[in-house]
Amino acid sequence: MYQLVKLPLLVEHFMEHKKAKNKLTFWEFLCLHYTPSTDKDSDYAKDMKLPFKTHDGCTNATIAAFVPHNFSTEIHKPVTSHSNNYPLLDEAFRGSSFLSAIWQPPKTC
C-alpha cells in the first residue's frame, strides 16, 4: 500500500520525460526505469523515488520450516456407523399367518 501512494510521482516523472522526448510512450518509460541497468543518469535521485523502486517501508517475514528427513504420516480411515431404522410390522401382517389366510374360503358378512 505504501508504494501506491507514490503513483502521482510516477505520472509526474513520466510527464517530465515526455516533455524532453516527445515520442516517448508510457511503456518505453516503464522499461527505461524498471528494467535492470547500471546506468545512473542525471535524474537518478528522482528515479529512486518512483513506486516499487526501493524496499523502504516494507516488512518482510521469513518463516523457516524444519521437516525431519525421516518424516512419515499415517492416514486413518474414519470410523463411521450407519444405522437403518425399519418399522416393526403388526402381528396380523406376519408372513406365516397371512399366507395361511389366503387359502381360507370367503366369509360372508
PDB file of N, CA and C in Angstrom:
ATOM      1  N   MET A   1       0.817  -1.195   0.000  1.00  0.00           N
ATOM      2  CA  MET A   1       0.000   0.000   0.000  1.00  0.00           C
ATOM      3  C   MET A   1       0.858   1.255   0.000  1.00  0.00           C
ATOM      4  N   TYR A   2       1.966   1.211   0.699  1.00  0.00           N
ATOM      5  CA  TYR A   2       2.831   2.376   0.792  1.00  0.00           C
ATOM      6  C   TYR A   2       3.337   2.801  -0.585  1.00  0.00           C
ATOM      7  N   GLN A   3       3.613   1.842  -1.432  1.00  0.00           N
ATOM      8  CA  GLN A   3       4.140   2.152  -2.757  1.00  0.00           C
ATOM      9  C   GLN A   3       3.080   2.793  -3.653  1.00  0.00           C
ATOM     10  N   LEU A   4       1.824   2.481  -3.445  1.00  0.00           N
ATOM     11  CA  LEU A   4       0.761   3.051  -4.270  1.00  0.00           C
ATOM     12  C   LEU A   4       0.595   4.552  -4.028  1.00  0.00           C
ATOM     13  N   VAL A   5       1.015   5.018  -2.867  1.00  0.00           N
ATOM     14  CA  VAL A   5       0.952   6.456  -2.577  1.00  0.00           C
ATOM     15  C   VAL A   5       1.907   7.217  -3.497  1.00  0.00           C
ATOM     16  N   LYS A   6       2.914   6.539  -3.998  1.00  0.00           N
ATOM     17  CA  LYS A   6       3.915   7.161  -4.872  1.00  0.00           C
ATOM     18  C   LYS A   6       3.474   7.244  -6.339  1.00  0.00           C
ATOM     19  N   LEU A   7       2.307   6.758  -6.684  1.00  0.00           N
ATOM     20  CA  LEU A   7       1.871   6.766  -8.085  1.00  0.00           C
ATOM     21  C   LEU A   7       1.820   8.163  -8.705  1.00  0.00           C
ATOM     22  N   PRO A   8       1.414   9.216  -7.985  1.00  0.00           N
ATOM     23  CA  PRO A   8       1.474  10.552  -8.597  1.00  0.00           C
ATOM     24  C   PRO A   8       2.885  10.958  -9.009  1.00  0.00           C
ATOM     25  N   LEU A   9       3.902  10.495  -8.268  1.00  0.00           N
ATOM     26  CA  LEU A   9       5.294  10.766  -8.659  1.00  0.00           C
ATOM     27  C   LEU A   9       5.624  10.097  -9.985  1.00  0.00           C
ATOM     28  N   LEU A  10       5.083   8.920 -10.192  1.00  0.00           N
ATOM     29  CA  LEU A  10       5.312   8.200 -11.452  1.00  0.00           C
ATOM     30  C   LEU A  10       4.747   8.995 -12.623  1.00  0.00           C
ATOM     31  N   VAL A  11       3.530   9.494 -12.471  1.00  0.00           N
ATOM     32  CA  VAL A  11       2.888  10.261 -13.546  1.00  0.00           C
ATOM     33  C   VAL A  11       3.653  11.562 -13.790  1.00  0.00           C
ATOM     34  N   GLU A  12       4.015  12.232 -12.728  1.00  0.00           N
ATOM     35  CA  GLU A  12       4.757  13.494 -12.858  1.00  0.00           C
ATOM     36  C   GLU A  12       6.099  13.277 -13.548  1.00  0.00           C
ATOM     37  N   HIS A  13       6.818  12.240 -13.175  1.00  0.00           N
ATOM     38  CA  HIS A  13       8.118  11.953 -13.779  1.00  0.00           C
ATOM     39  C   HIS A  13       7.961  11.550 -15.251  1.00  0.00           C
ATOM     40  N   PHE A  14       6.881  10.832 -15.569  1.00  0.00           N
ATOM     41  CA  PHE A  14       6.620  10.489 -16.967  1.00  0.00           C
ATOM     42  C   PHE A  14       6.388  11.751 -17.794  1.00  0.00           C
ATOM     43  N   MET A  15       5.635  12.699 -17.256  1.00  0.00           N
ATOM     44  CA  MET A  15       5.379  13.957 -17.977  1.00  0.00           C
ATOM     45  C   MET A  15       6.679  14.732 -18.222  1.00  0.00           C
ATOM     46  N   GLU A  16       7.586  14.693 -17.259  1.00  0.00           N
ATOM     47  CA  GLU A  16       8.887  15.349 -17.447  1.00  0.00           C
ATOM     48  C   GLU A  16       9.653  14.714 -18.600  1.00  0.00           C
ATOM     49  N   HIS A  17       9.661  13.383 -18.642  1.00  0.00           N
ATOM     50  CA  HIS A  17      10.350  12.683 -19.735  1.00  0.00           C
ATOM     51  C   HIS A  17       9.639  12.915 -21.067  1.00  0.00           C
ATOM     52  N   LYS A  18       8.324  12.993 -21.028  1.00  0.00           N
ATOM     53  CA  LYS A  18       7.538  13.208 -22.248  1.00  0.00           C
ATOM     54  C   LYS A  18       7.848  14.582 -22.851  1.00  0.00           C
ATOM     55  N   LYS A  19       8.063  15.608 -21.993  1.00  0.00           N
ATOM     56  CA  LYS A  19       8.429  16.939 -22.496  1.00  0.00           C
ATOM     57  C   LYS A  19       9.809  16.919 -23.133  1.00  0.00           C
ATOM     58  N   ALA A  20      10.721  16.166 -22.538  1.00  0.00           N
ATOM     59  CA  ALA A  20      12.084  16.095 -23.073  1.00  0.00           C
ATOM     60  C   ALA A  20      12.137  15.278 -24.366  1.00  0.00           C
ATOM     61  N   LYS A  21      11.385  14.211 -24.426  1.00  0.00           N
ATOM     62  CA  LYS A  21      11.380  13.340 -25.605  1.00  0.00           C
ATOM     63  C   LYS A  21       9.918  13.114 -25.987  1.00  0.00           C
ATOM     64  N   ASN A  22       9.460  13.827 -26.983  1.00  0.00           N
ATOM     65  CA  ASN A  22       8.044  13.910 -27.326  1.00  0.00           C
ATOM     66  C   ASN A  22       7.423  12.564 -27.693  1.00  0.00           C
ATOM     67  N   LYS A  23       8.137  11.672 -28.341  1.00  0.00           N
ATOM     68  CA  LYS A  23       7.560  10.416 -28.831  1.00  0.00           C
ATOM     69  C   LYS A  23       7.710   9.267 -27.831  1.00  0.00           C
ATOM     70  N   LEU A  24       8.032   9.561 -26.598  1.00  0.00           N
ATOM     71  CA  LEU A  24       8.209   8.526 -25.580  1.00  0.00           C
ATOM     72  C   LEU A  24       6.844   7.979 -25.161  1.00  0.00           C
ATOM     73  N   THR A  25       6.689   6.662 -25.233  1.00  0.00           N
ATOM     74  CA  THR A  25       5.444   6.032 -24.782  1.00  0.00           C
ATOM     75  C   THR A  25       5.576   5.669 -23.307  1.00  0.00           C
ATOM     76  N   PHE A  26       4.445   5.392 -22.692  1.00  0.00           N
ATOM     77  CA  PHE A  26       4.467   5.030 -21.278  1.00  0.00           C
ATOM     78  C   PHE A  26       5.204   3.709 -21.079  1.00  0.00           C
ATOM     79  N   TRP A  27       5.041   2.787 -22.021  1.00  0.00           N
ATOM     80  CA  TRP A  27       5.745   1.505 -21.930  1.00  0.00           C
ATOM     81  C   TRP A  27       7.259   1.702 -22.002  1.00  0.00           C
ATOM     82  N   GLU A  28       7.711   2.555 -22.905  1.00  0.00           N
ATOM     83  CA  GLU A  28       9.145   2.839 -23.000  1.00  0.00           C
ATOM     84  C   GLU A  28       9.648   3.478 -21.701  1.00  0.00           C
ATOM     85  N   PHE A  29       8.833   4.353 -21.120  1.00  0.00           N
ATOM     86  CA  PHE A  29       9.191   4.977 -19.856  1.00  0.00           C
ATOM     87  C   PHE A  29       9.353   3.923 -18.756  1.00  0.00           C
ATOM     88  N   LEU A  30       8.401   2.972 -18.694  1.00  0.00           N
ATOM     89  CA  LEU A  30       8.496   1.918 -17.689  1.00  0.00           C
ATOM     90  C   LEU A  30       9.712   1.037 -17.918  1.00  0.00           C
ATOM     91  N   CYS A  31       9.977   0.714 -19.169  1.00  0.00           N
ATOM     92  CA  CYS A  31      11.159  -0.094 -19.477  1.00  0.00           C
ATOM     93  C   CYS A  31      12.444   0.637 -19.119  1.00  0.00           C
ATOM     94  N   LEU A  32      12.457   1.927 -19.364  1.00  0.00           N
ATOM     95  CA  LEU A  32      13.630   2.743 -19.056  1.00  0.00           C
ATOM     96  C   LEU A  32      13.911   2.766 -17.558  1.00  0.00           C
ATOM     97  N   HIS A  33      12.872   2.791 -16.751  1.00  0.00           N
ATOM     98  CA  HIS A  33      13.051   2.956 -15.312  1.00  0.00           C
ATOM     99  C   HIS A  33      12.964   1.663 -14.501  1.00  0.00           C
ATOM    100  N   TYR A  34      12.375   0.616 -15.060  1.00  0.00           N
ATOM    101  CA  TYR A  34      12.172  -0.591 -14.261  1.00  0.00           C
ATOM    102  C   TYR A  34      12.909  -1.825 -14.768  1.00  0.00           C
ATOM    103  N   THR A  35      13.630  -1.723 -15.858  1.00  0.00           N
ATOM    104  CA  THR A  35      14.460  -2.853 -16.274  1.00  0.00           C
ATOM    105  C   THR A  35      15.819  -2.718 -15.606  1.00  0.00           C
ATOM    106  N   PRO A  36      16.448  -3.845 -15.308  1.00  0.00           N
ATOM    107  CA  PRO A  36      17.747  -3.766 -14.625  1.00  0.00           C
ATOM    108  C   PRO A  36      18.804  -3.093 -15.499  1.00  0.00           C
ATOM    109  N   SER A  37      19.417  -2.067 -14.955  1.00  0.00           N
ATOM    110  CA  SER A  37      20.523  -1.406 -15.662  1.00  0.00           C
ATOM    111  C   SER A  37      21.438  -0.781 -14.615  1.00  0.00           C
ATOM    112  N   THR A  38      22.666  -0.583 -14.992  1.00  0.00           N
ATOM    113  CA  THR A  38      23.638   0.010 -14.070  1.00  0.00           C
ATOM    114  C   THR A  38      23.853   1.489 -14.371  1.00  0.00           C
ATOM    115  N   ASP A  39      23.144   2.018 -15.353  1.00  0.00           N
ATOM    116  CA  ASP A  39      23.307   3.427 -15.722  1.00  0.00           C
ATOM    117  C   ASP A  39      22.643   4.327 -14.684  1.00  0.00           C
ATOM    118  N   LYS A  40      23.419   5.284 -14.185  1.00  0.00           N
ATOM    119  CA  LYS A  40      22.882   6.291 -13.268  1.00  0.00           C
ATOM    120  C   LYS A  40      22.880   7.608 -14.025  1.00  0.00           C
ATOM    121  N   ASP A  41      21.685   8.024 -14.448  1.00  0.00           N
ATOM    122  CA  ASP A  41      21.586   9.259 -15.213  1.00  0.00           C
ATOM    123  C   ASP A  41      21.436  10.461 -14.287  1.00  0.00           C
ATOM    124  N   SER A  42      21.218  11.624 -14.872  1.00  0.00           N
ATOM    125  CA  SER A  42      21.170  12.862 -14.090  1.00  0.00           C
ATOM    126  C   SER A  42      19.985  12.925 -13.127  1.00  0.00           C
ATOM    127  N   ASP A  43      18.903  12.217 -13.418  1.00  0.00           N
ATOM    128  CA  ASP A  43      17.737  12.245 -12.521  1.00  0.00           C
ATOM    129  C   ASP A  43      17.597  10.944 -11.725  1.00  0.00           C
ATOM    130  N   TYR A  44      18.732  10.352 -11.373  1.00  0.00           N
ATOM    131  CA  TYR A  44      18.737   9.089 -10.638  1.00  0.00           C
ATOM    132  C   TYR A  44      18.026   9.216  -9.289  1.00  0.00           C
ATOM    133  N   ALA A  45      18.197  10.349  -8.631  1.00  0.00           N
ATOM    134  CA  ALA A  45      17.549  10.557  -7.326  1.00  0.00           C
ATOM    135  C   ALA A  45      16.028  10.539  -7.472  1.00  0.00           C
ATOM    136  N   LYS A  46      15.514  11.156  -8.543  1.00  0.00           N
ATOM    137  CA  LYS A  46      14.064  11.138  -8.791  1.00  0.00           C
ATOM    138  C   LYS A  46      13.599   9.730  -9.175  1.00  0.00           C
ATOM    139  N   ASP A  47      14.426   9.052  -9.936  1.00  0.00           N
ATOM    140  CA  ASP A  47      14.076   7.686 -10.343  1.00  0.00           C
ATOM    141  C   ASP A  47      13.878   6.778  -9.130  1.00  0.00           C
ATOM    142  N   MET A  48      14.699   6.952  -8.126  1.00  0.00           N
ATOM    143  CA  MET A  48      14.623   6.092  -6.951  1.00  0.00           C
ATOM    144  C   MET A  48      13.426   6.420  -6.053  1.00  0.00           C
ATOM    145  N   LYS A  49      12.745   7.536  -6.313  1.00  0.00           N
ATOM    146  CA  LYS A  49      11.544   7.886  -5.558  1.00  0.00           C
ATOM    147  C   LYS A  49      10.279   7.301  -6.196  1.00  0.00           C
ATOM    148  N   LEU A  50      10.412   6.690  -7.348  1.00  0.00           N
ATOM    149  CA  LEU A  50       9.273   6.095  -8.040  1.00  0.00           C
ATOM    150  C   LEU A  50       8.766   4.871  -7.271  1.00  0.00           C
ATOM    151  N   PRO A  51       7.502   4.522  -7.454  1.00  0.00           N
ATOM    152  CA  PRO A  51       6.968   3.351  -6.753  1.00  0.00           C
ATOM    153  C   PRO A  51       7.649   2.057  -7.178  1.00  0.00           C
ATOM    154  N   PHE A  52       7.819   1.178  -6.238  1.00  0.00           N
ATOM    155  CA  PHE A  52       8.388  -0.158  -6.425  1.00  0.00           C
ATOM    156  C   PHE A  52       9.841  -0.139  -6.895  1.00  0.00           C
ATOM    157  N   LYS A  53      10.557   0.959  -6.632  1.00  0.00           N
ATOM    158  CA  LYS A  53      11.988   1.027  -6.958  1.00  0.00           C
ATOM    159  C   LYS A  53      12.837   0.646  -5.746  1.00  0.00           C
ATOM    160  N   THR A  54      12.362   0.952  -4.558  1.00  0.00           N
ATOM    161  CA  THR A  54      13.100   0.624  -3.345  1.00  0.00           C
ATOM    162  C   THR A  54      12.221  -0.215  -2.433  1.00  0.00           C
ATOM    163  N   HIS A  55      12.832  -0.784  -1.429  1.00  0.00           N
ATOM    164  CA  HIS A  55      12.110  -1.639  -0.499  1.00  0.00           C
ATOM    165  C   HIS A  55      11.930  -0.977   0.863  1.00  0.00           C
ATOM    166  N   ASP A  56      11.993   0.328   0.915  1.00  0.00           N
ATOM    167  CA  ASP A  56      11.838   1.014   2.196  1.00  0.00           C
ATOM    168  C   ASP A  56      10.374   1.002   2.628  1.00  0.00           C
ATOM    169  N   GLY A  57      10.159   0.993   3.919  1.00  0.00           N
ATOM    170  CA  GLY A  57       8.806   0.985   4.447  1.00  0.00           C
ATOM    171  C   GLY A  57       8.078  -0.330   4.244  1.00  0.00           C
ATOM    172  N   CYS A  58       8.816  -1.364   3.977  1.00  0.00           N
ATOM    173  CA  CYS A  58       8.219  -2.652   3.680  1.00  0.00           C
ATOM    174  C   CYS A  58       8.714  -3.661   4.712  1.00  0.00           C
ATOM    175  N   THR A  59       7.827  -4.487   5.183  1.00  0.00           N
ATOM    176  CA  THR A  59       8.227  -5.509   6.144  1.00  0.00           C
ATOM    177  C   THR A  59       8.293  -6.850   5.447  1.00  0.00           C
ATOM    178  N   ASN A  60       9.172  -7.666   5.945  1.00  0.00           N
ATOM    179  CA  ASN A  60       9.364  -8.976   5.358  1.00  0.00           C
ATOM    180  C   ASN A  60       9.458  -9.984   6.488  1.00  0.00           C
ATOM    181  N   ALA A  61       8.682 -11.018   6.414  1.00  0.00           N
ATOM    182  CA  ALA A  61       8.722 -12.070   7.421  1.00  0.00           C
ATOM    183  C   ALA A  61       9.097 -13.377   6.740  1.00  0.00           C
ATOM    184  N   THR A  62      10.082 -14.030   7.291  1.00  0.00           N
ATOM    185  CA  THR A  62      10.514 -15.304   6.749  1.00  0.00           C
ATOM    186  C   THR A  62      10.335 -16.358   7.830  1.00  0.00           C
ATOM    187  N   ILE A  63       9.641 -17.403   7.482  1.00  0.00           N
ATOM    188  CA  ILE A  63       9.421 -18.492   8.421  1.00  0.00           C
ATOM    189  C   ILE A  63      10.119 -19.715   7.851  1.00  0.00           C
ATOM    190  N   ALA A  64      11.077 -20.199   8.608  1.00  0.00           N
ATOM    191  CA  ALA A  64      11.803 -21.380   8.171  1.00  0.00           C
ATOM    192  C   ALA A  64      11.118 -22.612   8.745  1.00  0.00           C
ATOM    193  N   ALA A  65      10.751 -23.502   7.889  1.00  0.00           N
ATOM    194  CA  ALA A  65      10.086 -24.727   8.331  1.00  0.00           C
ATOM    195  C   ALA A  65      11.105 -25.859   8.337  1.00  0.00           C
ATOM    196  N   PHE A  66      11.153 -26.595   9.411  1.00  0.00           N
ATOM    197  CA  PHE A  66      12.051 -27.728   9.519  1.00  0.00           C
ATOM    198  C   PHE A  66      11.235 -29.002   9.464  1.00  0.00           C
ATOM    199  N   VAL A  67      11.507 -29.822   8.473  1.00  0.00           N
ATOM    200  CA  VAL A  67      10.842 -31.105   8.347  1.00  0.00           C
ATOM    201  C   VAL A  67      11.927 -32.168   8.421  1.00  0.00           C
ATOM    202  N   PRO A  68      11.839 -33.070   9.400  1.00  0.00           N
ATOM    203  CA  PRO A  68      12.883 -34.098   9.516  1.00  0.00           C
ATOM    204  C   PRO A  68      12.941 -34.973   8.273  1.00  0.00           C
ATOM    205  N   HIS A  69      14.115 -35.522   8.031  1.00  0.00           N
ATOM    206  CA  HIS A  69      14.340 -36.327   6.837  1.00  0.00           C
ATOM    207  C   HIS A  69      13.479 -37.590   6.830  1.00  0.00           C
ATOM    208  N   ASN A  70      13.280 -38.204   7.978  1.00  0.00           N
ATOM    209  CA  ASN A  70      12.518 -39.447   8.043  1.00  0.00           C
ATOM    210  C   ASN A  70      11.079 -39.179   8.481  1.00  0.00           C
ATOM    211  N   PHE A  71      10.506 -38.175   7.942  1.00  0.00           N
ATOM    212  CA  PHE A  71       9.136 -37.780   8.266  1.00  0.00           C
ATOM    213  C   PHE A  71       8.157 -38.746   7.634  1.00  0.00           C
ATOM    214  N   SER A  72       7.197 -39.224   8.425  1.00  0.00           N
ATOM    215  CA  SER A  72       6.181 -40.105   7.876  1.00  0.00           C
ATOM    216  C   SER A  72       4.843 -39.787   8.534  1.00  0.00           C
ATOM    217  N   THR A  73       3.799 -40.065   7.807  1.00  0.00           N
ATOM    218  CA  THR A  73       2.459 -39.838   8.336  1.00  0.00           C
ATOM    219  C   THR A  73       1.624 -41.090   8.109  1.00  0.00           C
ATOM    220  N   GLU A  74       0.591 -41.228   8.913  1.00  0.00           N
ATOM    221  CA  GLU A  74      -0.358 -42.323   8.734  1.00  0.00           C
ATOM    222  C   GLU A  74      -1.725 -41.716   8.520  1.00  0.00           C
ATOM    223  N   ILE A  75      -2.402 -42.229   7.546  1.00  0.00           N
ATOM    224  CA  ILE A  75      -3.755 -41.763   7.274  1.00  0.00           C
ATOM    225  C   ILE A  75      -4.713 -42.864   7.703  1.00  0.00           C
ATOM    226  N   HIS A  76      -5.567 -42.531   8.631  1.00  0.00           N
ATOM    227  CA  HIS A  76      -6.541 -43.490   9.134  1.00  0.00           C
ATOM    228  C   HIS A  76      -7.895 -43.217   8.511  1.00  0.00           C
ATOM    229  N   LYS A  77      -8.544 -44.301   8.122  1.00  0.00           N
ATOM    230  CA  LYS A  77      -9.885 -44.163   7.574  1.00  0.00           C
ATOM    231  C   LYS A  77     -10.836 -43.863   8.729  1.00  0.00           C
ATOM    232  N   PRO A  78     -11.656 -42.844   8.608  1.00  0.00           N
ATOM    233  CA  PRO A  78     -12.554 -42.519   9.713  1.00  0.00           C
ATOM    234  C   PRO A  78     -13.586 -43.622   9.929  1.00  0.00           C
ATOM    235  N   VAL A  79     -13.880 -43.872  11.181  1.00  0.00           N
ATOM    236  CA  VAL A  79     -14.855 -44.894  11.532  1.00  0.00           C
ATOM    237  C   VAL A  79     -16.238 -44.263  11.507  1.00  0.00           C
ATOM    238  N   THR A  80     -17.093 -44.827  10.698  1.00  0.00           N
ATOM    239  CA  THR A  80     -18.460 -44.308  10.618  1.00  0.00           C
ATOM    240  C   THR A  80     -19.421 -45.450  10.898  1.00  0.00           C
ATOM    241  N   SER A  81     -20.514 -45.120  11.468  1.00  0.00           N
ATOM    242  CA  SER A  81     -21.552 -46.123  11.691  1.00  0.00           C
ATOM    243  C   SER A  81     -22.814 -45.659  10.983  1.00  0.00           C
ATOM    244  N   HIS A  82     -23.484 -46.605  10.433  1.00  0.00           N
ATOM    245  CA  HIS A  82     -24.702 -46.292   9.695  1.00  0.00           C
ATOM    246  C   HIS A  82     -25.791 -47.214  10.220  1.00  0.00           C
ATOM    247  N   SER A  83     -26.852 -46.654  10.689  1.00  0.00           N
ATOM    248  CA  SER A  83     -27.937 -47.492  11.201  1.00  0.00           C
ATOM    249  C   SER A  83     -29.205 -47.210  10.402  1.00  0.00           C
ATOM    250  N   ASN A  84     -29.919 -48.269  10.132  1.00  0.00           N
ATOM    251  CA  ASN A  84     -31.196 -48.154   9.432  1.00  0.00           C
ATOM    252  C   ASN A  84     -32.309 -48.480  10.416  1.00  0.00           C
ATOM    253  N   ASN A  85     -33.320 -47.698  10.406  1.00  0.00           N
ATOM    254  CA  ASN A  85     -34.487 -47.970  11.239  1.00  0.00           C
ATOM    255  C   ASN A  85     -35.583 -48.541  10.353  1.00  0.00           C
ATOM    256  N   TYR A  86     -35.967 -49.761  10.666  1.00  0.00           N
ATOM    257  CA  TYR A  86     -37.028 -50.404   9.915  1.00  0.00           C
ATOM    258  C   TYR A  86     -38.268 -50.458  10.808  1.00  0.00           C
ATOM    259  N   PRO A  87     -39.423 -50.162  10.264  1.00  0.00           N
ATOM    260  CA  PRO A  87     -40.634 -50.213  11.095  1.00  0.00           C
ATOM    261  C   PRO A  87     -41.001 -51.658  11.432  1.00  0.00           C
ATOM    262  N   LEU A  88     -41.463 -51.855  12.639  1.00  0.00           N
ATOM    263  CA  LEU A  88     -41.910 -53.193  13.046  1.00  0.00           C
ATOM    264  C   LEU A  88     -43.328 -53.409  12.524  1.00  0.00           C
ATOM    265  N   LEU A  89     -43.559 -54.597  12.012  1.00  0.00           N
ATOM    266  CA  LEU A  89     -44.870 -54.905  11.447  1.00  0.00           C
ATOM    267  C   LEU A  89     -45.806 -55.415  12.541  1.00  0.00           C
ATOM    268  N   ASP A  90     -47.048 -55.172  12.327  1.00  0.00           N
ATOM    269  CA  ASP A  90     -48.070 -55.625  13.257  1.00  0.00           C
ATOM    270  C   ASP A  90     -48.176 -57.148  13.194  1.00  0.00           C
ATOM    271  N   GLU A  91     -48.663 -57.779  14.250  1.00  0.00           N
ATOM    272  CA  GLU A  91     -48.774 -59.240  14.325  1.00  0.00           C
ATOM    273  C   GLU A  91     -49.662 -59.798  13.225  1.00  0.00           C
ATOM    274  N   ALA A  92     -50.677 -59.062  12.824  1.00  0.00           N
ATOM    275  CA  ALA A  92     -51.604 -59.550  11.811  1.00  0.00           C
ATOM    276  C   ALA A  92     -50.956 -59.659  10.442  1.00  0.00           C
ATOM    277  N   PHE A  93     -49.874 -58.972  10.227  1.00  0.00           N
ATOM    278  CA  PHE A  93     -49.248 -58.982   8.915  1.00  0.00           C
ATOM    279  C   PHE A  93     -48.000 -59.855   8.846  1.00  0.00           C
ATOM    280  N   ARG A  94     -47.824 -60.727   9.754  1.00  0.00           N
ATOM    281  CA  ARG A  94     -46.675 -61.634   9.675  1.00  0.00           C
ATOM    282  C   ARG A  94     -46.885 -62.586   8.511  1.00  0.00           C
ATOM    283  N   GLY A  95     -45.814 -62.975   7.908  1.00  0.00           N
ATOM    284  CA  GLY A  95     -45.886 -63.790   6.697  1.00  0.00           C
ATOM    285  C   GLY A  95     -46.642 -65.087   6.854  1.00  0.00           C
ATOM    286  N   SER A  96     -46.355 -65.836   7.932  1.00  0.00           N
ATOM    287  CA  SER A  96     -46.973 -67.164   8.075  1.00  0.00           C
ATOM    288  C   SER A  96     -48.474 -67.061   8.288  1.00  0.00           C
ATOM    289  N   SER A  97     -48.934 -66.121   9.085  1.00  0.00           N
ATOM    290  CA  SER A  97     -50.374 -66.004   9.319  1.00  0.00           C
ATOM    291  C   SER A  97     -51.079 -65.466   8.084  1.00  0.00           C
ATOM    292  N   PHE A  98     -50.408 -64.609   7.319  1.00  0.00           N
ATOM    293  CA  PHE A  98     -51.004 -64.043   6.118  1.00  0.00           C
ATOM    294  C   PHE A  98     -51.162 -65.103   5.030  1.00  0.00           C
ATOM    295  N   LEU A  99     -50.122 -65.947   4.856  1.00  0.00           N
ATOM    296  CA  LEU A  99     -50.184 -66.970   3.815  1.00  0.00           C
ATOM    297  C   LEU A  99     -51.250 -68.019   4.117  1.00  0.00           C
ATOM    298  N   SER A 100     -51.436 -68.355   5.368  1.00  0.00           N
ATOM    299  CA  SER A 100     -52.450 -69.362   5.677  1.00  0.00           C
ATOM    300  C   SER A 100     -53.857 -68.809   5.508  1.00  0.00           C
ATOM    301  N   ALA A 101     -54.027 -67.506   5.593  1.00  0.00           N
ATOM    302  CA  ALA A 101     -55.346 -66.892   5.447  1.00  0.00           C
ATOM    303  C   ALA A 101     -55.762 -66.804   3.981  1.00  0.00           C
ATOM    304  N   ILE A 102     -54.842 -66.942   3.053  1.00  0.00           N
ATOM    305  CA  ILE A 102     -55.175 -66.844   1.636  1.00  0.00           C
ATOM    306  C   ILE A 102     -56.053 -68.011   1.223  1.00  0.00           C
ATOM    307  N   TRP A 103     -55.780 -69.202   1.732  1.00  0.00           N
ATOM    308  CA  TRP A 103     -56.457 -70.397   1.254  1.00  0.00           C
ATOM    309  C   TRP A 103     -57.746 -70.703   2.020  1.00  0.00           C
ATOM    310  N   GLN A 104     -58.217 -69.768   2.803  1.00  0.00           N
ATOM    311  CA  GLN A 104     -59.477 -69.963   3.518  1.00  0.00           C
ATOM    312  C   GLN A 104     -60.646 -69.572   2.610  1.00  0.00           C
ATOM    313  N   PRO A 105     -61.775 -70.208   2.766  1.00  0.00           N
ATOM    314  CA  PRO A 105     -62.947 -69.829   1.947  1.00  0.00           C
ATOM    315  C   PRO A 105     -63.441 -68.454   2.354  1.00  0.00           C
ATOM    316  N   PRO A 106     -64.062 -67.710   1.431  1.00  0.00           N
ATOM    317  CA  PRO A 106     -64.550 -66.374   1.766  1.00  0.00           C
ATOM    318  C   PRO A 106     -65.619 -66.435   2.841  1.00  0.00           C
ATOM    319  N   LYS A 107     -65.647 -65.387   3.663  1.00  0.00           N
ATOM    320  CA  LYS A 107     -66.615 -65.314   4.752  1.00  0.00           C
ATOM    321  C   LYS A 107     -67.658 -64.274   4.360  1.00  0.00           C
ATOM    322  N   THR A 108     -68.882 -64.550   4.731  1.00  0.00           N
ATOM    323  CA  THR A 108     -69.949 -63.609   4.421  1.00  0.00           C
ATOM    324  C   THR A 108     -70.186 -62.708   5.617  1.00  0.00           C
ATOM    325  N   CYS A 109     -70.680 -61.553   5.325  1.00  0.00           N
ATOM    326  CA  CYS A 109     -70.916 -60.580   6.394  1.00  0.00           C
ATOM    327  C   CYS A 109     -72.245 -60.782   7.027  1.00  0.00           C
TER     328      CYS A 109
END
